[in-house]
């Protein structure tokens, strides 16, 4: 069975390579037409997609999946419209393929250009996020890559229907359906076969919880881009506008708890703690947030005393860890110790404090007087994202079209030869 599954995954990768070889020759106009057709197909077949999604939601509820996972899993007309618009936004962006990064004429007359090129075959391993199916397919297509999608069994019906819709749309504009393929999801061995298919797959991107990401990064022989978990902090500085701080904390925590850019930790400078701690405690509790607080927060009613595990937890729920710190330096040290390198925010009217925070905090995105909820490819103008990278090589932060390309040097000569050494 394992050999059969490996053969199945490898055969899909070979088909993807053939599709990628054709896609690399496609003009921007042809790719954009396909993206618009994919968006239209999603809207037209939304009832079919929602019906399939209901099966996944019913199975997930029966299996006792947490509310945060069920929220990520759920599709409705508004969310389908959102991913369709994302495809259209991607279509409206410049084609990265062929972009000249640098170059010039050498003294010997050789003409050099470093140009963007597709990765080739890109594998995605992700959990109960059917929107990722569409985002990954669209971004891969526009950047000239074929996508091998390995979603979770919890989203099997949704992903199967979505991929069928996208493949039909590709065929309707005479592009290979195998630009988008869905891999088997019931056996974890399919992940292993994907991430070790060196020579068949050019890049793997894991997107999900810490367990999934760590397993892929540690076991893969194919190059990977790590999309980390989001233990995001909001630090309320001594010079913060407290009205602004309250609004930012509430938005970062409660806008949507199941996403990686949600705030999981709150740090408050001691100089504003006497006023802000009771105020933000009340505001968060009115939104049904459970506060896991240090000694000063725990003096407020219905605050759960925090333990050491709380500071590093990505709750993905209506929970937040909260602590009073003595200084901006202490806030930075706390974030360095417990943060995940995803998104961090400071609320302050002190420009020097803001500059110090943005310089010293090591994260993919650092915000001044804004919610961490903005760490998102669509919000950053990318239309969609294939993930949020928390590593430091090649890509960092929300990954859009450019992050799905590599580069090569194109050298033009006129019979140039290099002298013998």
Protein backbone atom coordinates (compact mmCIF):
# COMPACT_ATOMS: atom_id res chain seq x y z
CA UNK A 1 0.00 0.00 0.00
CA UNK A 2 2.82 2.37 0.88
CA UNK A 3 4.57 1.65 -2.41
CA UNK A 4 1.31 2.23 -4.27
CA UNK A 5 0.81 5.54 -2.51
CA UNK A 6 4.37 6.63 -3.24
CA UNK A 7 3.88 5.78 -6.89
CA UNK A 8 0.63 7.76 -6.88
CA UNK A 9 2.28 10.86 -5.36
CA UNK A 10 5.30 10.63 -7.67
CA UNK A 11 3.06 10.19 -10.72
CA UNK A 12 1.19 13.36 -9.74
CA UNK A 13 4.52 15.17 -9.39
CA UNK A 14 5.56 14.05 -12.88
CA UNK A 15 2.27 15.29 -14.33
CA UNK A 16 2.81 18.56 -12.48
CA UNK A 17 6.24 18.89 -14.08
CA UNK A 18 4.74 18.48 -17.54
CA UNK A 19 2.11 21.10 -16.69
CA UNK A 20 4.73 23.47 -15.29
CA UNK A 21 6.81 23.14 -18.45
CA UNK A 22 3.80 24.30 -20.47
CA UNK A 23 2.79 26.97 -17.98
CA UNK A 24 6.21 28.62 -18.07
CA UNK A 25 5.51 29.54 -21.70
CA UNK A 26 2.08 31.05 -20.94
CA UNK A 27 1.70 34.79 -21.38
CA UNK A 28 0.44 36.99 -18.60
CA UNK A 29 -2.79 37.49 -20.52
CA UNK A 30 -3.38 33.75 -20.68
CA UNK A 31 -2.72 33.27 -16.98
CA UNK A 32 -4.89 36.22 -16.00
CA UNK A 33 -7.73 34.91 -18.14
CA UNK A 34 -7.47 31.62 -16.29
CA UNK A 35 -7.57 33.35 -12.91
CA UNK A 36 -10.71 35.28 -13.85
CA UNK A 37 -12.31 32.08 -15.12
CA UNK A 38 -11.42 30.33 -11.85
CA UNK A 39 -13.02 33.17 -9.87
CA UNK A 40 -16.17 33.04 -11.98
CA UNK A 41 -16.39 29.27 -11.58
CA UNK A 42 -16.14 29.55 -7.80
CA UNK A 43 -19.03 31.99 -7.72
CA UNK A 44 -21.14 29.94 -10.12
CA UNK A 45 -20.59 26.70 -8.25
CA UNK A 46 -20.73 28.17 -4.73
CA UNK A 47 -23.80 26.09 -3.73
CA UNK A 48 -21.96 22.90 -4.69
CA UNK A 49 -18.89 24.00 -2.71
CA UNK A 50 -20.93 24.92 0.37
CA UNK A 51 -22.77 21.60 0.26
CA UNK A 52 -19.47 19.73 0.23
CA UNK A 53 -18.19 21.92 3.06
CA UNK A 54 -21.24 21.04 5.17
CA UNK A 55 -20.18 17.40 5.07
CA UNK A 56 -16.76 18.33 6.43
CA UNK A 57 -18.25 20.54 9.13
CA UNK A 58 -20.68 17.83 10.24
CA UNK A 59 -17.86 15.27 10.39
CA UNK A 60 -15.65 17.75 12.25
CA UNK A 61 -18.31 18.48 14.87
CA UNK A 62 -18.92 14.76 15.34
CA UNK A 63 -15.18 14.26 15.82
CA UNK A 64 -15.07 17.03 18.44
CA UNK A 65 -12.86 19.45 16.54
CA UNK A 66 -12.24 22.71 18.47
CA UNK A 67 -14.30 25.75 17.52
CA UNK A 68 -11.21 27.49 16.15
CA UNK A 69 -10.54 24.65 13.70
CA UNK A 70 -14.20 24.51 12.69
CA UNK A 71 -14.09 28.25 11.97
CA UNK A 72 -11.05 27.79 9.74
CA UNK A 73 -12.80 24.92 7.99
CA UNK A 74 -16.08 26.73 7.32
CA UNK A 75 -16.99 28.14 3.91
CA UNK A 76 -19.96 30.34 3.10
CA UNK A 77 -20.88 32.65 0.25
CA UNK A 78 -18.95 35.55 1.76
CA UNK A 79 -15.77 33.53 2.16
CA UNK A 80 -16.06 32.06 -1.33
CA UNK A 81 -16.53 35.58 -2.67
CA UNK A 82 -13.43 36.60 -0.72
CA UNK A 83 -11.18 33.97 -2.30
CA UNK A 84 -12.69 34.68 -5.73
CA UNK A 85 -11.84 38.37 -5.35
CA UNK A 86 -8.38 37.32 -4.22
CA UNK A 87 -7.86 35.52 -7.52
CA UNK A 88 -8.97 38.61 -9.40
CA UNK A 89 -6.59 40.77 -7.41
CA UNK A 90 -3.75 38.38 -8.22
CA UNK A 91 -4.72 38.64 -11.89
CA UNK A 92 -4.38 42.40 -11.65
CA UNK A 93 -0.85 42.25 -10.33
CA UNK A 94 2.31 42.33 -12.39
CA UNK A 95 3.60 38.98 -13.59
CA UNK A 96 6.82 38.29 -11.67
CA UNK A 97 8.10 35.83 -14.25
CA UNK A 98 10.76 37.48 -16.40
CA UNK A 99 11.25 40.49 -14.13
CA UNK A 100 14.83 41.70 -14.39
CA UNK A 101 16.32 41.95 -10.90
CA UNK A 102 19.69 43.34 -11.91
CA UNK A 103 22.15 43.25 -14.74
CA UNK A 104 24.26 45.22 -17.13
CA UNK A 105 27.08 45.06 -19.65
CA UNK A 106 30.46 43.78 -18.46
CA UNK A 107 33.66 45.47 -19.66
CA UNK A 108 34.23 42.50 -21.99
CA UNK A 109 30.84 43.04 -23.64
CA UNK A 110 28.91 40.18 -22.06
CA UNK A 111 25.32 41.16 -21.28
CA UNK A 112 24.08 39.86 -17.92
CA UNK A 113 20.53 39.77 -16.60
CA UNK A 114 19.25 38.14 -13.45
CA UNK A 115 15.58 37.35 -14.05
CA UNK A 116 12.77 35.86 -11.99
CA UNK A 117 11.71 32.33 -12.95
CA UNK A 118 9.11 29.94 -11.51
CA UNK A 119 10.10 27.42 -8.86
CA UNK A 120 8.48 24.70 -10.96
CA UNK A 121 6.49 22.18 -8.88
CA UNK A 122 5.36 23.51 -5.50
CA UNK A 123 3.86 21.26 -2.83
CA UNK A 124 1.54 22.57 -0.12
CA UNK A 125 0.84 20.64 3.08
CA UNK A 126 -1.90 22.25 5.12
CA UNK A 127 -4.66 21.59 7.60
CA UNK A 128 -8.36 22.46 7.71
CA UNK A 129 -8.17 25.62 5.60
CA UNK A 130 -9.99 25.10 2.28
CA UNK A 131 -9.38 28.75 1.36
CA UNK A 132 -5.69 27.81 1.14
CA UNK A 133 -6.61 25.47 -1.71
CA UNK A 134 -7.74 28.40 -3.83
CA UNK A 135 -5.07 30.86 -2.71
CA UNK A 136 -2.26 28.38 -3.37
CA UNK A 137 -3.62 27.38 -6.77
CA UNK A 138 -4.03 30.99 -7.89
CA UNK A 139 -0.66 32.23 -6.71
CA UNK A 140 1.12 29.20 -8.12
CA UNK A 141 -0.56 29.66 -11.49
CA UNK A 142 0.28 33.35 -11.82
CA UNK A 143 3.90 32.75 -10.80
CA UNK A 144 4.21 29.93 -13.36
CA UNK A 145 4.22 27.00 -10.93
CA UNK A 146 2.23 23.78 -10.80
CA UNK A 147 0.69 23.09 -7.38
CA UNK A 148 0.50 19.76 -5.56
CA UNK A 149 -1.97 20.24 -2.71
CA UNK A 150 -2.06 17.93 0.28
CA UNK A 151 -4.87 19.14 2.53
CA UNK A 152 -6.19 17.39 5.61
CA UNK A 153 -8.87 14.72 5.74
CA UNK A 154 -11.04 17.11 7.76
CA UNK A 155 -11.48 19.21 4.60
CA UNK A 156 -11.60 16.34 2.12
CA UNK A 157 -15.01 17.07 0.59
CA UNK A 158 -14.37 20.81 0.39
CA UNK A 159 -10.93 20.45 -1.18
CA UNK A 160 -12.05 17.79 -3.64
CA UNK A 161 -14.86 20.01 -4.90
CA UNK A 162 -12.72 23.16 -5.01
CA UNK A 163 -9.96 21.46 -6.98
CA UNK A 164 -12.50 20.01 -9.41
CA UNK A 165 -13.89 23.52 -9.99
CA UNK A 166 -10.42 24.99 -10.52
CA UNK A 167 -9.31 22.20 -12.87
CA UNK A 168 -12.45 22.61 -14.97
CA UNK A 169 -11.77 26.33 -15.22
CA UNK A 170 -8.19 25.72 -16.36
CA UNK A 171 -9.30 23.31 -19.04
CA UNK A 172 -11.90 25.81 -20.28
CA UNK A 173 -9.09 28.22 -21.20
CA UNK A 174 -6.81 25.52 -22.58
CA UNK A 175 -4.32 25.38 -19.74
CA UNK A 176 -3.33 22.01 -18.25
CA UNK A 177 -5.67 20.85 -15.48
CA UNK A 178 -2.62 19.29 -13.84
CA UNK A 179 -1.42 22.77 -12.89
CA UNK A 180 -3.53 22.01 -9.79
CA UNK A 181 -3.69 18.53 -8.26
CA UNK A 182 -5.01 17.24 -4.94
CA UNK A 183 -3.04 14.47 -3.26
CA UNK A 184 -4.56 11.69 -1.10
CA UNK A 185 -5.26 12.88 2.45
CA UNK A 186 -6.14 9.81 4.52
CA UNK A 187 -2.64 8.39 4.95
CA UNK A 188 0.14 10.51 6.44
CA UNK A 189 2.57 8.64 4.23
CA UNK A 190 1.41 10.81 1.32
CA UNK A 191 3.02 13.77 3.09
CA UNK A 192 6.24 11.82 3.52
CA UNK A 193 6.28 10.86 -0.16
CA UNK A 194 5.68 14.48 -1.18
CA UNK A 195 8.32 16.07 1.04
CA UNK A 196 10.98 13.51 0.11
CA UNK A 197 10.32 13.62 -3.66
CA UNK A 198 13.59 15.38 -4.33
CA UNK A 199 14.06 15.87 -8.05
CA UNK A 200 10.32 15.73 -8.68
CA UNK A 201 9.19 18.54 -6.36
CA UNK A 202 11.07 21.84 -6.17
CA UNK A 203 9.61 23.38 -3.01
CA UNK A 204 7.29 22.38 -0.15
CA UNK A 205 5.43 24.86 2.04
CA UNK A 206 3.80 23.55 5.23
CA UNK A 207 0.97 25.63 6.66
CA UNK A 208 -0.76 24.71 9.89
CA UNK A 209 -0.03 23.96 13.52
CA UNK A 210 3.38 23.59 15.11
CA UNK A 211 3.27 19.79 14.92
CA UNK A 212 2.65 19.75 11.18
CA UNK A 213 5.23 22.42 10.42
CA UNK A 214 7.95 20.83 12.55
CA UNK A 215 7.32 17.38 11.08
CA UNK A 216 7.65 18.69 7.52
CA UNK A 217 10.72 20.83 8.20
CA UNK A 218 12.52 18.03 10.07
CA UNK A 219 11.70 15.21 7.63
CA UNK A 220 11.77 16.95 4.25
CA UNK A 221 14.55 16.42 1.74
CA UNK A 222 12.82 18.81 -0.65
CA UNK A 223 13.59 22.49 0.14
CA UNK A 224 10.96 24.00 2.45
CA UNK A 225 9.77 27.43 3.52
CA UNK A 226 8.69 27.39 7.15
CA UNK A 227 5.42 29.12 7.95
CA UNK A 228 5.46 29.34 11.71
CA UNK A 229 2.79 29.57 14.35
CA UNK A 230 1.67 32.96 15.59
CA UNK A 231 2.28 33.78 19.24
CA UNK A 232 1.74 37.49 18.53
CA UNK A 233 2.10 40.21 21.17
CA UNK A 234 0.65 43.67 21.63
CA UNK A 235 2.80 45.86 23.86
CA UNK A 236 1.13 48.94 25.39
CA UNK A 237 3.90 51.42 26.07
CA UNK A 238 4.16 54.04 28.80
CA UNK A 239 3.34 56.70 26.20
CA UNK A 240 0.39 54.94 24.60
CA UNK A 241 -2.96 56.50 23.77
CA UNK A 242 -5.07 54.18 25.90
CA UNK A 243 -8.18 54.55 23.77
CA UNK A 244 -6.14 53.46 20.78
CA UNK A 245 -4.53 50.68 22.78
CA UNK A 246 -7.88 49.26 23.84
CA UNK A 247 -9.18 49.27 20.28
CA UNK A 248 -6.03 47.60 18.93
CA UNK A 249 -5.93 44.90 21.61
CA UNK A 250 -9.60 44.05 21.11
CA UNK A 251 -9.23 43.90 17.35
CA UNK A 252 -6.03 41.87 17.44
CA UNK A 253 -7.53 39.36 19.87
CA UNK A 254 -11.19 39.08 18.95
CA UNK A 255 -11.49 39.87 15.22
CA UNK A 256 -10.92 36.22 14.38
CA UNK A 257 -9.32 34.00 16.99
CA UNK A 258 -8.53 31.02 14.76
CA UNK A 259 -5.93 32.75 12.58
CA UNK A 260 -2.18 32.99 13.12
CA UNK A 261 -2.12 36.81 13.20
CA UNK A 262 -4.42 36.99 16.23
CA UNK A 263 -2.83 38.42 19.37
CA UNK A 264 -2.14 35.77 21.98
CA UNK A 265 -0.22 37.91 24.50
CA UNK A 266 -0.62 41.39 25.97
CA UNK A 267 2.20 43.33 27.61
CA UNK A 268 1.49 46.55 29.53
CA UNK A 269 4.07 49.05 30.77
CA UNK A 270 3.95 49.50 34.55
CA UNK A 271 3.47 53.27 34.24
CA UNK A 272 0.02 52.84 32.66
CA UNK A 273 -0.90 49.58 34.37
CA UNK A 274 -2.97 51.12 37.17
CA UNK A 275 -5.34 52.67 34.64
CA UNK A 276 -5.11 50.28 31.71
CA UNK A 277 -5.15 46.85 33.40
CA UNK A 278 -8.67 47.14 34.87
CA UNK A 279 -9.90 48.89 31.72
CA UNK A 280 -8.62 46.28 29.24
CA UNK A 281 -9.61 43.43 31.55
CA UNK A 282 -13.21 44.63 31.53
CA UNK A 283 -13.18 45.24 27.77
CA UNK A 284 -11.76 41.80 26.98
CA UNK A 285 -14.13 40.04 29.36
CA UNK A 286 -17.07 41.77 27.72
CA UNK A 287 -15.95 40.00 24.55
CA UNK A 288 -15.82 36.67 26.45
CA UNK A 289 -12.00 36.56 26.43
CA UNK A 290 -10.39 34.51 29.21
CA UNK A 291 -7.35 36.35 30.54
CA UNK A 292 -4.38 34.34 31.80
CA UNK A 293 -2.65 37.04 33.81
CA UNK A 294 0.38 37.69 35.96
CA UNK A 295 0.02 38.90 39.55
CA UNK A 296 -1.18 42.38 38.64
CA UNK A 297 -3.75 41.14 36.15
CA UNK A 298 -4.85 38.37 38.50
CA UNK A 299 -5.97 40.97 41.03
CA UNK A 300 -8.87 41.69 38.68
CA UNK A 301 -11.95 39.51 39.01
CA UNK A 302 -12.27 36.36 36.87
CA UNK A 303 -8.67 36.48 35.65
CA UNK A 304 -6.96 33.08 35.52
CA UNK A 305 -3.47 33.11 37.08
CA UNK A 306 -0.94 32.52 34.31
CA UNK A 307 1.59 29.72 34.37
CA UNK A 308 4.85 29.41 32.44
CA UNK A 309 3.16 27.59 29.56
CA UNK A 310 0.76 30.47 28.89
CA UNK A 311 3.48 32.85 27.70
CA UNK A 312 4.37 30.63 24.74
CA UNK A 313 0.91 29.38 23.82
CA UNK A 314 -0.85 30.00 20.52
CA UNK A 315 -4.39 29.69 21.86
CA UNK A 316 -6.40 30.15 18.65
CA UNK A 317 -9.33 30.80 20.96
CA UNK A 318 -10.83 33.50 23.16
CA UNK A 319 -7.84 33.35 25.53
CA UNK A 320 -4.96 35.76 26.02
CA UNK A 321 -1.88 35.84 28.24
CA UNK A 322 -1.33 39.21 29.93
CA UNK A 323 1.58 40.66 31.85
CA UNK A 324 2.81 43.97 33.24
CA UNK A 325 6.43 44.78 32.34
CA UNK A 326 8.81 47.30 33.86
CA UNK A 327 10.15 48.76 30.61
CA UNK A 328 10.22 48.58 26.85
CA UNK A 329 13.44 46.57 27.18
CA UNK A 330 11.61 44.01 29.31
CA UNK A 331 8.85 43.81 26.71
CA UNK A 332 11.41 43.18 23.97
CA UNK A 333 13.11 40.49 26.08
CA UNK A 334 9.76 38.80 26.78
CA UNK A 335 8.94 38.76 23.06
CA UNK A 336 12.40 37.40 22.23
CA UNK A 337 11.87 34.59 24.73
CA UNK A 338 8.31 33.59 23.90
CA UNK A 339 7.47 35.06 20.50
CA UNK A 340 7.30 32.95 17.36
CA UNK A 341 8.75 35.51 14.97
CA UNK A 342 5.38 36.17 13.35
CA UNK A 343 3.85 39.58 14.19
CA UNK A 344 4.42 41.99 17.08
CA UNK A 345 2.88 45.38 17.82
CA UNK A 346 3.64 48.41 19.96
CA UNK A 347 1.12 51.09 20.88
CA UNK A 348 2.90 54.35 21.66
CA UNK A 349 3.08 58.06 20.88
CA UNK A 350 6.83 58.06 21.58
CA UNK A 351 8.66 57.94 18.24
CA UNK A 352 11.93 56.91 19.89
CA UNK A 353 10.22 54.00 21.64
CA UNK A 354 8.58 52.93 18.38
CA UNK A 355 11.88 53.02 16.54
CA UNK A 356 13.61 51.04 19.27
CA UNK A 357 10.84 48.43 19.24
CA UNK A 358 10.81 48.03 15.46
CA UNK A 359 14.61 47.80 15.38
CA UNK A 360 15.06 45.30 18.19
CA UNK A 361 12.04 43.02 17.80
CA UNK A 362 12.89 40.10 15.52
CA UNK A 363 9.68 39.19 13.66
CA UNK A 364 8.34 38.91 10.14
CA UNK A 365 6.05 41.90 10.73
CA UNK A 366 6.34 44.64 13.35
CA UNK A 367 3.52 47.16 13.80
CA UNK A 368 3.37 50.61 15.35
CA UNK A 369 -0.12 51.68 16.46
CA UNK A 370 -1.86 49.02 14.37
CA UNK A 371 -3.38 45.61 14.94
CA UNK A 372 -1.47 42.41 14.21
CA UNK A 373 -4.55 41.37 12.22
CA UNK A 374 -3.06 43.20 9.23
CA UNK A 375 -0.38 40.54 8.70
CA UNK A 376 -2.12 39.09 5.70
CA UNK A 377 -1.25 38.82 2.03
CA UNK A 378 -4.49 40.46 0.93
CA UNK A 379 -4.04 43.34 3.38
CA UNK A 380 -0.46 43.79 2.16
CA UNK A 381 -1.73 44.16 -1.40
CA UNK A 382 -0.78 40.68 -2.60
CA UNK A 383 -4.34 39.60 -3.32
CA UNK A 384 -3.76 36.33 -1.50
CA UNK A 385 -0.96 34.57 0.28
CA UNK A 386 0.44 31.09 0.20
CA UNK A 387 1.51 31.41 3.82
CA UNK A 388 3.35 33.65 6.27
CA UNK A 389 7.00 32.78 6.50
CA UNK A 390 8.70 33.11 9.87
CA UNK A 391 12.09 32.00 8.60
CA UNK A 392 14.77 34.38 7.33
CA UNK A 393 15.90 32.79 4.07
CA UNK A 394 14.40 33.70 0.67
CA UNK A 395 10.99 34.80 1.97
CA UNK A 396 9.75 36.34 5.20
CA UNK A 397 6.25 37.47 6.15
CA UNK A 398 3.21 37.08 3.87
CA UNK A 399 4.27 35.23 0.71
CA UNK A 400 2.79 36.29 -2.59
CA UNK A 401 3.87 35.99 -6.20
CA UNK A 402 7.50 37.07 -5.94
CA UNK A 403 8.14 34.65 -3.09
CA UNK A 404 7.11 31.76 -5.35
CA UNK A 405 9.90 32.51 -7.81
CA UNK A 406 13.60 31.89 -7.96
CA UNK A 407 16.02 33.55 -10.37
CA UNK A 408 18.53 32.65 -13.02
CA UNK A 409 21.27 34.49 -14.86
CA UNK A 410 20.85 34.95 -18.59
CA UNK A 411 24.14 35.78 -20.30
CA UNK A 412 24.40 36.98 -23.92
CA UNK A 413 27.67 37.02 -25.76
CA UNK A 414 29.04 37.30 -29.28
CA UNK A 415 31.35 34.32 -29.41
CA UNK A 416 32.94 35.17 -26.08
CA UNK A 417 35.48 32.71 -24.74
CA UNK A 418 37.42 32.87 -21.49
CA UNK A 419 41.22 32.77 -21.63
CA UNK A 420 42.97 29.74 -20.19
CA UNK A 421 44.24 30.13 -16.65
